[in-house]
Amino acid sequence: MQIAPLLNIGRGVTALIGGGGKTTLLYTLADEMRAKGTVMLCTSTHIRIPKQYPLVIGGADALRAALASHGAVCAGTPAESGKLTAPSMSFEELAALADYVLVEADGSRGLPLKAHAPHEPVIPPNAQRVVLVVGVDGFGKPVREVCHRSDSWAARAGVSEDAFATPEGEAKVILAEGFGDRVFINKVESAEGYAATETLSKQLSCPVIAGSLHKGVYTCLR
């Protein structure tokens, strides 16, 4: 089963934001879209350098040649700690080179849930789709342990950082921030996890997809 059709990923720029699982979704989408056209992976903030895709540091000519040879490449600028930051070209220029541009547009330090600081997410202005990722494994655990920027998450959810994170709290955070036109709930691999996704889905107005990137199984909840 493929997730790209459920998320309605089209040509152009797609931004991935939210909790842990963005990078796995980035790679999953790249593998799926590669069969339909050329794919460029990049970030508007910072990401680790992927090992499975050629890294291109250069400009348009280098990117064009790499895409023609490999179909899917990673573009970026070397940053501290061996990571990559945004490419030197604009996202409008990148979209003119590749059929699909997949952008990781914020960080979560691997935690399943997150709230956004005022300077994030860094969504490209030409993004045609913004997918907010939620890790269902964060529910039922203390906010301060499973939420990136836990103080902000707790404030928007109306709870303390020592309270357990809940689908209801996550819905409040999502609605308060107003980011994303699709929500993908990852790591749904049990009846309990599915029940939590249904609770969250019912409080949102945008399309919600739930499933497991690890197992490659997904369902559209709304």
N, C-alpha and C. Protein backbone atom coordinates (compact mmCIF):
# COMPACT_ATOMS: atom_id res chain seq x y z
N MET A 1 0.84 -1.20 0.00
CA MET A 1 0.00 0.00 0.00
C MET A 1 0.87 1.25 0.00
N GLN A 2 0.47 2.24 -0.76
CA GLN A 2 1.22 3.49 -0.82
C GLN A 2 0.51 4.60 -0.05
N ILE A 3 1.31 5.47 0.56
CA ILE A 3 0.73 6.55 1.36
C ILE A 3 0.59 7.84 0.56
N ALA A 4 1.38 8.02 -0.49
CA ALA A 4 1.34 9.27 -1.25
C ALA A 4 -0.07 9.58 -1.80
N PRO A 5 -0.79 8.61 -2.37
CA PRO A 5 -2.14 8.93 -2.86
C PRO A 5 -3.09 9.35 -1.74
N LEU A 6 -2.95 8.74 -0.56
CA LEU A 6 -3.83 9.10 0.56
C LEU A 6 -3.56 10.52 1.05
N LEU A 7 -2.29 10.93 0.97
CA LEU A 7 -1.93 12.29 1.37
C LEU A 7 -2.11 13.28 0.22
N ASN A 8 -2.48 12.76 -0.94
CA ASN A 8 -2.70 13.60 -2.14
C ASN A 8 -1.45 14.41 -2.48
N ILE A 9 -0.33 13.71 -2.55
CA ILE A 9 0.94 14.36 -2.88
C ILE A 9 1.01 14.58 -4.39
N GLY A 10 1.10 15.83 -4.80
CA GLY A 10 1.17 16.16 -6.21
C GLY A 10 2.53 16.70 -6.58
N ARG A 11 2.69 17.05 -7.83
CA ARG A 11 3.95 17.64 -8.29
C ARG A 11 4.17 18.99 -7.62
N GLY A 12 5.43 19.33 -7.44
CA GLY A 12 5.75 20.57 -6.76
C GLY A 12 6.33 20.30 -5.39
N VAL A 13 6.15 21.25 -4.49
CA VAL A 13 6.78 21.20 -3.17
C VAL A 13 5.81 20.68 -2.11
N THR A 14 6.27 19.68 -1.36
CA THR A 14 5.53 19.15 -0.21
C THR A 14 6.37 19.37 1.04
N ALA A 15 5.78 19.96 2.07
CA ALA A 15 6.49 20.20 3.33
C ALA A 15 6.00 19.23 4.39
N LEU A 16 6.93 18.69 5.17
CA LEU A 16 6.62 17.77 6.27
C LEU A 16 6.97 18.46 7.58
N ILE A 17 6.02 18.51 8.51
CA ILE A 17 6.23 19.17 9.78
C ILE A 17 5.69 18.29 10.91
N GLY A 18 5.97 18.69 12.16
CA GLY A 18 5.37 18.00 13.31
C GLY A 18 6.33 17.11 14.06
N GLY A 19 5.78 16.04 14.63
CA GLY A 19 6.52 15.17 15.52
C GLY A 19 7.39 14.15 14.80
N GLY A 20 7.95 13.23 15.59
CA GLY A 20 8.85 12.22 15.07
C GLY A 20 8.21 11.36 14.00
N GLY A 21 8.99 10.98 13.01
CA GLY A 21 8.49 10.18 11.90
C GLY A 21 8.58 10.92 10.58
N LYS A 22 8.95 12.21 10.63
CA LYS A 22 9.02 12.99 9.39
C LYS A 22 10.07 12.44 8.43
N THR A 23 11.23 12.10 8.96
CA THR A 23 12.30 11.63 8.08
C THR A 23 11.93 10.30 7.42
N THR A 24 11.33 9.40 8.18
CA THR A 24 10.88 8.13 7.59
C THR A 24 9.82 8.38 6.54
N LEU A 25 8.91 9.32 6.80
CA LEU A 25 7.90 9.66 5.80
C LEU A 25 8.57 10.29 4.57
N LEU A 26 9.57 11.11 4.80
CA LEU A 26 10.31 11.73 3.70
C LEU A 26 10.87 10.66 2.76
N TYR A 27 11.52 9.66 3.35
CA TYR A 27 12.12 8.59 2.54
C TYR A 27 11.05 7.73 1.87
N THR A 28 9.96 7.46 2.59
CA THR A 28 8.88 6.64 2.03
C THR A 28 8.26 7.33 0.82
N LEU A 29 7.99 8.62 0.95
CA LEU A 29 7.42 9.37 -0.17
C LEU A 29 8.39 9.43 -1.34
N ALA A 30 9.68 9.60 -1.04
CA ALA A 30 10.68 9.67 -2.11
C ALA A 30 10.70 8.37 -2.91
N ASP A 31 10.64 7.25 -2.22
CA ASP A 31 10.65 5.96 -2.91
C ASP A 31 9.39 5.78 -3.76
N GLU A 32 8.25 6.24 -3.24
CA GLU A 32 7.00 6.10 -4.00
C GLU A 32 6.97 7.03 -5.21
N MET A 33 7.35 8.28 -5.03
CA MET A 33 7.24 9.26 -6.10
C MET A 33 8.31 9.07 -7.17
N ARG A 34 9.36 8.36 -6.83
CA ARG A 34 10.45 8.10 -7.79
C ARG A 34 9.95 7.36 -9.01
N ALA A 35 8.90 6.57 -8.84
CA ALA A 35 8.34 5.82 -9.97
C ALA A 35 7.54 6.73 -10.91
N LYS A 36 7.25 7.96 -10.45
CA LYS A 36 6.42 8.87 -11.25
C LYS A 36 7.20 10.05 -11.83
N GLY A 37 8.41 10.27 -11.32
CA GLY A 37 9.19 11.40 -11.80
C GLY A 37 10.43 11.60 -10.96
N THR A 38 11.13 12.69 -11.20
CA THR A 38 12.33 12.99 -10.43
C THR A 38 11.97 13.56 -9.07
N VAL A 39 12.79 13.25 -8.06
CA VAL A 39 12.50 13.61 -6.67
C VAL A 39 13.71 14.29 -6.04
N MET A 40 13.47 15.40 -5.38
CA MET A 40 14.52 16.09 -4.64
C MET A 40 14.14 16.15 -3.17
N LEU A 41 15.02 15.68 -2.30
CA LEU A 41 14.82 15.76 -0.86
C LEU A 41 15.68 16.89 -0.32
N CYS A 42 15.11 17.67 0.60
CA CYS A 42 15.88 18.77 1.19
C CYS A 42 15.21 19.21 2.49
N THR A 43 15.71 20.29 3.04
CA THR A 43 15.16 20.82 4.28
C THR A 43 15.14 22.34 4.21
N SER A 44 14.29 22.93 5.01
CA SER A 44 14.30 24.38 5.18
C SER A 44 14.93 24.73 6.52
N THR A 45 15.30 23.70 7.30
CA THR A 45 15.93 23.89 8.62
C THR A 45 17.22 23.08 8.67
N HIS A 46 17.19 21.91 9.30
CA HIS A 46 18.36 21.03 9.36
C HIS A 46 17.91 19.57 9.30
N ILE A 47 18.66 18.75 8.60
CA ILE A 47 18.43 17.30 8.58
C ILE A 47 19.77 16.58 8.56
N ARG A 48 19.70 15.30 8.96
CA ARG A 48 20.88 14.46 8.80
C ARG A 48 21.01 14.08 7.33
N ILE A 49 22.23 13.88 6.89
CA ILE A 49 22.47 13.53 5.50
C ILE A 49 22.00 12.09 5.24
N PRO A 50 21.05 11.89 4.33
CA PRO A 50 20.61 10.51 4.04
C PRO A 50 21.69 9.74 3.30
N LYS A 51 21.81 8.48 3.63
CA LYS A 51 22.85 7.66 3.01
C LYS A 51 22.38 7.01 1.71
N GLN A 52 21.06 6.91 1.53
CA GLN A 52 20.55 6.17 0.38
C GLN A 52 20.33 7.02 -0.86
N TYR A 53 20.58 8.34 -0.76
CA TYR A 53 20.40 9.21 -1.91
C TYR A 53 21.67 10.02 -2.16
N PRO A 54 22.05 10.23 -3.42
CA PRO A 54 23.23 11.04 -3.70
C PRO A 54 23.04 12.46 -3.15
N LEU A 55 24.08 13.00 -2.54
CA LEU A 55 24.03 14.36 -2.01
C LEU A 55 24.62 15.32 -3.03
N VAL A 56 23.87 16.39 -3.33
CA VAL A 56 24.32 17.39 -4.30
C VAL A 56 24.44 18.73 -3.58
N ILE A 57 25.63 19.28 -3.58
CA ILE A 57 25.89 20.57 -2.93
C ILE A 57 25.81 21.71 -3.93
N GLY A 58 26.03 21.42 -5.21
CA GLY A 58 26.14 22.44 -6.23
C GLY A 58 24.82 23.08 -6.64
N GLY A 59 24.87 23.85 -7.74
CA GLY A 59 23.73 24.60 -8.23
C GLY A 59 22.88 23.82 -9.22
N ALA A 60 22.21 24.56 -10.09
CA ALA A 60 21.21 23.98 -10.98
C ALA A 60 21.79 22.92 -11.91
N ASP A 61 22.95 23.18 -12.49
CA ASP A 61 23.53 22.23 -13.44
C ASP A 61 23.86 20.90 -12.76
N ALA A 62 24.43 20.97 -11.55
CA ALA A 62 24.77 19.75 -10.82
C ALA A 62 23.52 18.98 -10.42
N LEU A 63 22.50 19.70 -9.98
CA LEU A 63 21.26 19.04 -9.59
C LEU A 63 20.56 18.40 -10.79
N ARG A 64 20.55 19.11 -11.89
CA ARG A 64 19.90 18.59 -13.10
C ARG A 64 20.60 17.31 -13.56
N ALA A 65 21.92 17.30 -13.54
CA ALA A 65 22.66 16.12 -13.97
C ALA A 65 22.44 14.95 -13.02
N ALA A 66 22.43 15.22 -11.70
CA ALA A 66 22.24 14.16 -10.72
C ALA A 66 20.84 13.57 -10.81
N LEU A 67 19.85 14.41 -11.01
CA LEU A 67 18.47 13.92 -11.15
C LEU A 67 18.33 13.05 -12.39
N ALA A 68 18.98 13.44 -13.47
CA ALA A 68 18.92 12.66 -14.70
C ALA A 68 19.57 11.29 -14.51
N SER A 69 20.61 11.23 -13.69
CA SER A 69 21.34 9.98 -13.49
C SER A 69 20.70 9.07 -12.45
N HIS A 70 20.17 9.67 -11.38
CA HIS A 70 19.73 8.88 -10.23
C HIS A 70 18.21 8.92 -9.97
N GLY A 71 17.52 9.91 -10.46
CA GLY A 71 16.08 9.98 -10.25
C GLY A 71 15.67 10.63 -8.96
N ALA A 72 16.41 10.35 -7.88
CA ALA A 72 16.13 10.95 -6.58
C ALA A 72 17.45 11.37 -5.94
N VAL A 73 17.53 12.63 -5.49
CA VAL A 73 18.76 13.14 -4.88
C VAL A 73 18.40 14.00 -3.67
N CYS A 74 19.41 14.23 -2.84
CA CYS A 74 19.27 15.12 -1.69
C CYS A 74 20.07 16.38 -1.98
N ALA A 75 19.45 17.55 -1.79
CA ALA A 75 20.12 18.82 -2.02
C ALA A 75 20.22 19.58 -0.71
N GLY A 76 21.35 20.24 -0.49
CA GLY A 76 21.48 20.99 0.74
C GLY A 76 22.82 21.69 0.85
N THR A 77 23.00 22.37 1.97
CA THR A 77 24.22 23.08 2.27
C THR A 77 24.79 22.51 3.56
N PRO A 78 26.06 22.12 3.59
CA PRO A 78 26.64 21.55 4.81
C PRO A 78 26.50 22.52 5.99
N ALA A 79 26.15 21.96 7.16
CA ALA A 79 25.97 22.76 8.37
C ALA A 79 26.74 22.10 9.51
N GLU A 80 26.54 22.62 10.72
CA GLU A 80 27.25 22.09 11.87
C GLU A 80 26.82 20.66 12.18
N SER A 81 27.69 19.94 12.89
CA SER A 81 27.42 18.57 13.34
C SER A 81 27.17 17.60 12.20
N GLY A 82 27.68 17.91 11.02
CA GLY A 82 27.52 16.99 9.92
C GLY A 82 26.15 16.98 9.30
N LYS A 83 25.30 17.92 9.64
CA LYS A 83 23.95 17.98 9.09
C LYS A 83 23.91 18.86 7.85
N LEU A 84 22.72 18.91 7.25
CA LEU A 84 22.48 19.78 6.10
C LEU A 84 21.48 20.85 6.49
N THR A 85 21.64 22.02 5.88
CA THR A 85 20.62 23.05 5.97
C THR A 85 20.08 23.29 4.56
N ALA A 86 19.29 24.31 4.38
CA ALA A 86 18.60 24.53 3.11
C ALA A 86 19.57 24.70 1.94
N PRO A 87 19.16 24.28 0.75
CA PRO A 87 19.99 24.50 -0.44
C PRO A 87 20.18 26.00 -0.69
N SER A 88 21.17 26.33 -1.49
CA SER A 88 21.44 27.73 -1.80
C SER A 88 20.40 28.32 -2.75
N MET A 89 19.70 27.48 -3.48
CA MET A 89 18.69 27.94 -4.43
C MET A 89 17.34 28.10 -3.73
N SER A 90 16.47 28.90 -4.29
CA SER A 90 15.13 29.07 -3.73
C SER A 90 14.29 27.83 -4.01
N PHE A 91 13.21 27.66 -3.26
CA PHE A 91 12.35 26.50 -3.47
C PHE A 91 11.60 26.61 -4.80
N GLU A 92 11.39 27.82 -5.29
CA GLU A 92 10.80 27.99 -6.61
C GLU A 92 11.76 27.47 -7.68
N GLU A 93 13.05 27.75 -7.50
CA GLU A 93 14.05 27.25 -8.45
C GLU A 93 14.17 25.74 -8.37
N LEU A 94 14.12 25.18 -7.16
CA LEU A 94 14.21 23.73 -6.99
C LEU A 94 13.02 23.03 -7.65
N ALA A 95 11.83 23.63 -7.52
CA ALA A 95 10.63 23.03 -8.10
C ALA A 95 10.67 23.03 -9.63
N ALA A 96 11.48 23.92 -10.20
CA ALA A 96 11.62 23.96 -11.65
C ALA A 96 12.56 22.86 -12.15
N LEU A 97 13.33 22.26 -11.24
CA LEU A 97 14.29 21.23 -11.62
C LEU A 97 13.76 19.82 -11.44
N ALA A 98 12.99 19.59 -10.37
CA ALA A 98 12.50 18.24 -10.05
C ALA A 98 10.98 18.21 -10.09
N ASP A 99 10.45 17.04 -10.42
CA ASP A 99 8.99 16.90 -10.43
C ASP A 99 8.41 17.01 -9.03
N TYR A 100 9.12 16.43 -8.07
CA TYR A 100 8.64 16.43 -6.68
C TYR A 100 9.77 16.93 -5.77
N VAL A 101 9.47 17.91 -4.95
CA VAL A 101 10.42 18.43 -3.98
C VAL A 101 9.85 18.18 -2.58
N LEU A 102 10.53 17.35 -1.81
CA LEU A 102 10.06 16.96 -0.48
C LEU A 102 10.93 17.66 0.56
N VAL A 103 10.30 18.45 1.43
CA VAL A 103 11.03 19.32 2.34
C VAL A 103 10.69 18.99 3.79
N GLU A 104 11.70 18.66 4.59
CA GLU A 104 11.50 18.53 6.03
C GLU A 104 11.62 19.94 6.60
N ALA A 105 10.51 20.44 7.16
CA ALA A 105 10.41 21.88 7.44
C ALA A 105 10.44 22.25 8.91
N ASP A 106 10.73 21.32 9.78
CA ASP A 106 11.00 21.63 11.19
C ASP A 106 11.65 20.43 11.85
N GLY A 107 12.02 20.57 13.11
CA GLY A 107 12.65 19.47 13.84
C GLY A 107 11.87 19.12 15.08
N SER A 108 12.04 17.88 15.55
CA SER A 108 11.33 17.45 16.76
C SER A 108 12.22 16.66 17.71
N ARG A 109 13.51 16.57 17.38
CA ARG A 109 14.47 15.81 18.18
C ARG A 109 14.03 14.36 18.37
N GLY A 110 13.31 13.85 17.40
CA GLY A 110 12.88 12.46 17.43
C GLY A 110 11.70 12.17 18.34
N LEU A 111 11.13 13.20 18.95
CA LEU A 111 9.99 12.99 19.85
C LEU A 111 8.70 12.90 19.05
N PRO A 112 7.72 12.13 19.55
CA PRO A 112 6.52 11.89 18.75
C PRO A 112 5.58 13.08 18.61
N LEU A 113 5.62 14.02 19.55
CA LEU A 113 4.73 15.17 19.53
C LEU A 113 5.55 16.44 19.64
N LYS A 114 5.01 17.56 19.15
CA LYS A 114 5.74 18.81 19.29
C LYS A 114 4.80 20.00 19.19
N ALA A 115 5.23 21.10 19.79
CA ALA A 115 4.62 22.41 19.57
C ALA A 115 5.66 23.25 18.84
N HIS A 116 5.20 24.25 18.12
CA HIS A 116 6.10 25.05 17.31
C HIS A 116 6.46 26.36 17.99
N ALA A 117 7.73 26.72 17.87
CA ALA A 117 8.21 28.02 18.33
C ALA A 117 7.80 29.08 17.31
N PRO A 118 7.89 30.37 17.67
CA PRO A 118 7.48 31.42 16.74
C PRO A 118 8.21 31.41 15.40
N HIS A 119 9.44 30.90 15.38
CA HIS A 119 10.21 30.91 14.13
C HIS A 119 9.99 29.67 13.27
N GLU A 120 9.12 28.78 13.67
CA GLU A 120 8.89 27.56 12.91
C GLU A 120 7.39 27.25 12.82
N PRO A 121 7.02 26.35 11.91
CA PRO A 121 7.83 25.68 10.90
C PRO A 121 8.23 26.64 9.78
N VAL A 122 9.27 26.25 9.05
CA VAL A 122 9.74 27.07 7.94
C VAL A 122 9.19 26.45 6.65
N ILE A 123 7.95 26.79 6.34
CA ILE A 123 7.26 26.19 5.20
C ILE A 123 7.56 27.00 3.94
N PRO A 124 8.06 26.35 2.88
CA PRO A 124 8.32 27.07 1.64
C PRO A 124 7.05 27.75 1.14
N PRO A 125 7.17 28.97 0.63
CA PRO A 125 5.98 29.71 0.19
C PRO A 125 5.22 29.05 -0.95
N ASN A 126 5.90 28.20 -1.72
CA ASN A 126 5.24 27.54 -2.84
C ASN A 126 4.82 26.11 -2.54
N ALA A 127 4.75 25.74 -1.25
CA ALA A 127 4.34 24.38 -0.89
C ALA A 127 2.89 24.13 -1.31
N GLN A 128 2.66 23.06 -2.05
CA GLN A 128 1.29 22.71 -2.46
C GLN A 128 0.63 21.74 -1.47
N ARG A 129 1.41 21.20 -0.56
CA ARG A 129 0.89 20.30 0.46
C ARG A 129 1.76 20.42 1.70
N VAL A 130 1.12 20.49 2.89
CA VAL A 130 1.83 20.54 4.17
C VAL A 130 1.28 19.42 5.05
N VAL A 131 2.10 18.42 5.32
CA VAL A 131 1.68 17.25 6.10
C VAL A 131 2.22 17.37 7.52
N LEU A 132 1.33 17.35 8.49
CA LEU A 132 1.69 17.39 9.90
C LEU A 132 1.75 15.97 10.44
N VAL A 133 2.89 15.56 10.96
CA VAL A 133 3.10 14.19 11.44
C VAL A 133 2.91 14.14 12.96
N VAL A 134 2.17 13.13 13.42
CA VAL A 134 1.93 12.89 14.85
C VAL A 134 2.31 11.46 15.16
N GLY A 135 3.06 11.23 16.23
CA GLY A 135 3.40 9.88 16.65
C GLY A 135 2.43 9.41 17.73
N VAL A 136 1.64 8.40 17.41
CA VAL A 136 0.63 7.94 18.37
C VAL A 136 1.26 7.37 19.63
N ASP A 137 2.54 6.99 19.56
CA ASP A 137 3.21 6.43 20.72
C ASP A 137 3.49 7.48 21.80
N GLY A 138 3.21 8.74 21.51
CA GLY A 138 3.37 9.77 22.54
C GLY A 138 2.22 9.86 23.51
N PHE A 139 1.07 9.32 23.15
CA PHE A 139 -0.10 9.42 24.02
C PHE A 139 0.01 8.47 25.21
N GLY A 140 -0.47 8.95 26.36
CA GLY A 140 -0.43 8.15 27.57
C GLY A 140 0.89 8.24 28.32
N LYS A 141 1.73 9.19 27.92
CA LYS A 141 3.03 9.38 28.58
C LYS A 141 3.16 10.85 28.98
N PRO A 142 4.01 11.17 29.97
CA PRO A 142 4.14 12.56 30.43
C PRO A 142 4.54 13.51 29.30
N VAL A 143 3.88 14.65 29.24
CA VAL A 143 4.12 15.65 28.21
C VAL A 143 5.60 16.01 28.14
N ARG A 144 6.25 16.22 29.28
CA ARG A 144 7.64 16.66 29.26
C ARG A 144 8.58 15.60 28.69
N GLU A 145 8.13 14.34 28.58
CA GLU A 145 8.98 13.27 28.07
C GLU A 145 8.78 13.01 26.58
N VAL A 146 7.62 13.35 26.06
CA VAL A 146 7.30 12.95 24.68
C VAL A 146 7.02 14.11 23.74
N CYS A 147 7.07 15.35 24.25
CA CYS A 147 6.76 16.51 23.42
C CYS A 147 7.97 17.42 23.27
N HIS A 148 8.33 17.71 22.03
CA HIS A 148 9.36 18.72 21.79
C HIS A 148 8.74 20.09 22.05
N ARG A 149 9.45 20.94 22.79
CA ARG A 149 8.91 22.20 23.30
C ARG A 149 7.69 21.90 24.18
N SER A 150 7.94 21.07 25.18
CA SER A 150 6.86 20.57 26.04
C SER A 150 6.12 21.68 26.78
N ASP A 151 6.83 22.76 27.13
CA ASP A 151 6.15 23.85 27.82
C ASP A 151 5.10 24.50 26.93
N SER A 152 5.42 24.70 25.66
CA SER A 152 4.46 25.29 24.73
C SER A 152 3.32 24.32 24.43
N TRP A 153 3.66 23.02 24.28
CA TRP A 153 2.61 22.03 24.03
C TRP A 153 1.62 22.01 25.19
N ALA A 154 2.14 21.99 26.40
CA ALA A 154 1.28 21.94 27.59
C ALA A 154 0.40 23.19 27.67
N ALA A 155 0.97 24.35 27.38
CA ALA A 155 0.20 25.59 27.46
C ALA A 155 -0.94 25.59 26.45
N ARG A 156 -0.68 25.13 25.24
CA ARG A 156 -1.73 25.13 24.20
C ARG A 156 -2.77 24.05 24.45
N ALA A 157 -2.34 22.96 25.11
CA ALA A 157 -3.28 21.88 25.42
C ALA A 157 -4.05 22.16 26.71
N GLY A 158 -3.58 23.13 27.49
CA GLY A 158 -4.26 23.46 28.74
C GLY A 158 -4.00 22.47 29.85
N VAL A 159 -2.78 21.90 29.87
CA VAL A 159 -2.42 20.93 30.91
C VAL A 159 -1.04 21.28 31.44
N SER A 160 -0.57 20.53 32.44
CA SER A 160 0.79 20.72 32.95
C SER A 160 1.74 19.80 32.19
N GLU A 161 3.03 20.07 32.30
CA GLU A 161 4.01 19.23 31.63
C GLU A 161 4.12 17.85 32.27
N ASP A 162 3.57 17.69 33.47
CA ASP A 162 3.59 16.39 34.15
C ASP A 162 2.36 15.55 33.79
N ALA A 163 1.38 16.17 33.13
CA ALA A 163 0.20 15.42 32.72
C ALA A 163 0.54 14.48 31.57
N PHE A 164 -0.31 13.50 31.34
CA PHE A 164 -0.12 12.60 30.21
C PHE A 164 -0.62 13.27 28.93
N ALA A 165 0.14 13.11 27.86
CA ALA A 165 -0.30 13.62 26.56
C ALA A 165 -1.48 12.79 26.07
N THR A 166 -2.48 13.45 25.53
CA THR A 166 -3.69 12.78 25.07
C THR A 166 -4.03 13.23 23.65
N PRO A 167 -4.87 12.44 22.94
CA PRO A 167 -5.34 12.88 21.62
C PRO A 167 -6.10 14.21 21.71
N GLU A 168 -6.86 14.38 22.79
CA GLU A 168 -7.60 15.63 22.95
C GLU A 168 -6.64 16.82 23.08
N GLY A 169 -5.55 16.62 23.84
CA GLY A 169 -4.56 17.68 23.98
C GLY A 169 -3.88 17.98 22.66
N GLU A 170 -3.52 16.95 21.93
CA GLU A 170 -2.87 17.15 20.63
C GLU A 170 -3.80 17.89 19.67
N ALA A 171 -5.08 17.58 19.71
CA ALA A 171 -6.04 18.28 18.86
C ALA A 171 -6.05 19.77 19.18
N LYS A 172 -6.00 20.11 20.45
CA LYS A 172 -5.98 21.52 20.85
C LYS A 172 -4.73 22.22 20.32
N VAL A 173 -3.59 21.52 20.40
CA VAL A 173 -2.35 22.10 19.90
C VAL A 173 -2.42 22.33 18.39
N ILE A 174 -2.89 21.33 17.67
CA ILE A 174 -2.99 21.44 16.21
C ILE A 174 -3.92 22.57 15.81
N LEU A 175 -5.06 22.65 16.46
CA LEU A 175 -6.03 23.70 16.12
C LEU A 175 -5.53 25.08 16.50
N ALA A 176 -4.82 25.17 17.63
CA ALA A 176 -4.29 26.47 18.07
C ALA A 176 -3.22 26.98 17.11
N GLU A 177 -2.41 26.06 16.57
CA GLU A 177 -1.31 26.48 15.70
C GLU A 177 -1.76 26.70 14.25
N GLY A 178 -2.69 25.89 13.79
CA GLY A 178 -3.22 26.08 12.45
C GLY A 178 -2.28 25.70 11.31
N PHE A 179 -1.34 24.80 11.55
CA PHE A 179 -0.41 24.37 10.51
C PHE A 179 -0.86 23.04 9.90
N GLY A 180 -0.60 22.88 8.62
CA GLY A 180 -0.84 21.60 7.97
C GLY A 180 -2.22 21.49 7.35
N ASP A 181 -2.27 20.96 6.13
CA ASP A 181 -3.57 20.70 5.49
C ASP A 181 -3.86 19.21 5.41
N ARG A 182 -2.93 18.40 5.90
CA ARG A 182 -3.13 16.96 6.08
C ARG A 182 -2.45 16.57 7.39
N VAL A 183 -3.04 15.63 8.12
CA VAL A 183 -2.41 15.09 9.32
C VAL A 183 -2.15 13.60 9.10
N PHE A 184 -0.93 13.18 9.36
CA PHE A 184 -0.59 11.76 9.29
C PHE A 184 -0.22 11.29 10.68
N ILE A 185 -0.95 10.32 11.21
CA ILE A 185 -0.69 9.76 12.53
C ILE A 185 0.06 8.45 12.33
N ASN A 186 1.29 8.41 12.81
CA ASN A 186 2.19 7.27 12.56
C ASN A 186 2.25 6.33 13.76
N LYS A 187 2.75 5.14 13.50
CA LYS A 187 2.96 4.09 14.51
C LYS A 187 1.65 3.55 15.08
N VAL A 188 0.62 3.55 14.27
CA VAL A 188 -0.67 2.98 14.67
C VAL A 188 -0.64 1.50 14.36
N GLU A 189 -0.36 0.70 15.38
CA GLU A 189 -0.15 -0.73 15.16
C GLU A 189 -0.93 -1.59 16.16
N SER A 190 -1.92 -0.99 16.85
CA SER A 190 -2.71 -1.73 17.84
C SER A 190 -4.11 -1.13 17.90
N ALA A 191 -5.01 -1.88 18.53
CA ALA A 191 -6.38 -1.39 18.70
C ALA A 191 -6.39 -0.12 19.55
N GLU A 192 -5.54 -0.09 20.55
CA GLU A 192 -5.44 1.10 21.41
C GLU A 192 -4.96 2.31 20.61
N GLY A 193 -3.97 2.09 19.76
CA GLY A 193 -3.46 3.19 18.94
C GLY A 193 -4.50 3.67 17.95
N TYR A 194 -5.26 2.74 17.38
CA TYR A 194 -6.29 3.13 16.43
C TYR A 194 -7.39 3.92 17.12
N ALA A 195 -7.75 3.54 18.33
CA ALA A 195 -8.78 4.27 19.08
C ALA A 195 -8.32 5.70 19.36
N ALA A 196 -7.03 5.86 19.67
CA ALA A 196 -6.50 7.20 19.92
C ALA A 196 -6.55 8.05 18.65
N THR A 197 -6.25 7.44 17.50
CA THR A 197 -6.29 8.19 16.24
C THR A 197 -7.72 8.62 15.91
N GLU A 198 -8.69 7.77 16.20
CA GLU A 198 -10.08 8.14 15.93
C GLU A 198 -10.51 9.31 16.81
N THR A 199 -10.08 9.29 18.06
CA THR A 199 -10.41 10.39 18.97
C THR A 199 -9.83 11.71 18.45
N LEU A 200 -8.58 11.67 18.00
CA LEU A 200 -7.93 12.86 17.47
C LEU A 200 -8.59 13.30 16.17
N SER A 201 -8.85 12.36 15.29
CA SER A 201 -9.40 12.67 13.98
C SER A 201 -10.74 13.39 14.07
N LYS A 202 -11.58 12.98 15.01
CA LYS A 202 -12.92 13.54 15.12
C LYS A 202 -12.91 15.02 15.49
N GLN A 203 -11.79 15.50 16.02
CA GLN A 203 -11.72 16.89 16.45
C GLN A 203 -11.04 17.80 15.43
N LEU A 204 -10.65 17.22 14.30
CA LEU A 204 -9.98 17.98 13.25
C LEU A 204 -10.86 18.08 12.01
N SER A 205 -10.66 19.12 11.24
CA SER A 205 -11.46 19.32 10.03
C SER A 205 -10.72 18.92 8.76
N CYS A 206 -9.39 18.78 8.82
CA CYS A 206 -8.62 18.42 7.64
C CYS A 206 -8.58 16.90 7.46
N PRO A 207 -8.21 16.41 6.28
CA PRO A 207 -8.06 14.97 6.09
C PRO A 207 -7.02 14.39 7.05
N VAL A 208 -7.32 13.21 7.60
CA VAL A 208 -6.43 12.56 8.56
C VAL A 208 -6.15 11.14 8.07
N ILE A 209 -4.87 10.81 7.94
CA ILE A 209 -4.44 9.47 7.55
C ILE A 209 -3.74 8.83 8.75
N ALA A 210 -4.04 7.58 9.03
CA ALA A 210 -3.41 6.87 10.14
C ALA A 210 -2.78 5.59 9.62
N GLY A 211 -1.70 5.18 10.27
CA GLY A 211 -1.08 3.94 9.85
C GLY A 211 0.30 3.75 10.43
N SER A 212 1.06 2.89 9.79
CA SER A 212 2.40 2.53 10.26
C SER A 212 3.36 2.55 9.08
N LEU A 213 4.32 3.48 9.11
CA LEU A 213 5.33 3.49 8.07
C LEU A 213 6.18 2.23 8.12
N HIS A 214 6.37 1.70 9.33
CA HIS A 214 7.16 0.48 9.49
C HIS A 214 6.50 -0.71 8.79
N LYS A 215 5.18 -0.80 8.90
CA LYS A 215 4.46 -1.93 8.30
C LYS A 215 3.92 -1.64 6.91
N GLY A 216 3.89 -0.36 6.54
CA GLY A 216 3.38 0.00 5.22
C GLY A 216 1.89 -0.18 5.08
N VAL A 217 1.15 0.06 6.19
CA VAL A 217 -0.30 -0.08 6.20
C VAL A 217 -0.92 1.24 6.63
N TYR A 218 -1.90 1.72 5.85
CA TYR A 218 -2.48 3.03 6.14
C TYR A 218 -3.99 3.01 5.88
N THR A 219 -4.69 3.94 6.54
CA THR A 219 -6.12 4.09 6.32
C THR A 219 -6.48 5.56 6.43
N CYS A 220 -7.48 5.96 5.67
CA CYS A 220 -7.96 7.34 5.71
C CYS A 220 -9.11 7.41 6.71
N LEU A 221 -8.96 8.22 7.75
CA LEU A 221 -9.98 8.33 8.78
C LEU A 221 -11.04 9.38 8.47
N ARG A 222 -10.66 10.41 7.69
CA ARG A 222 -11.64 11.42 7.33
C ARG A 222 -11.18 12.15 6.06
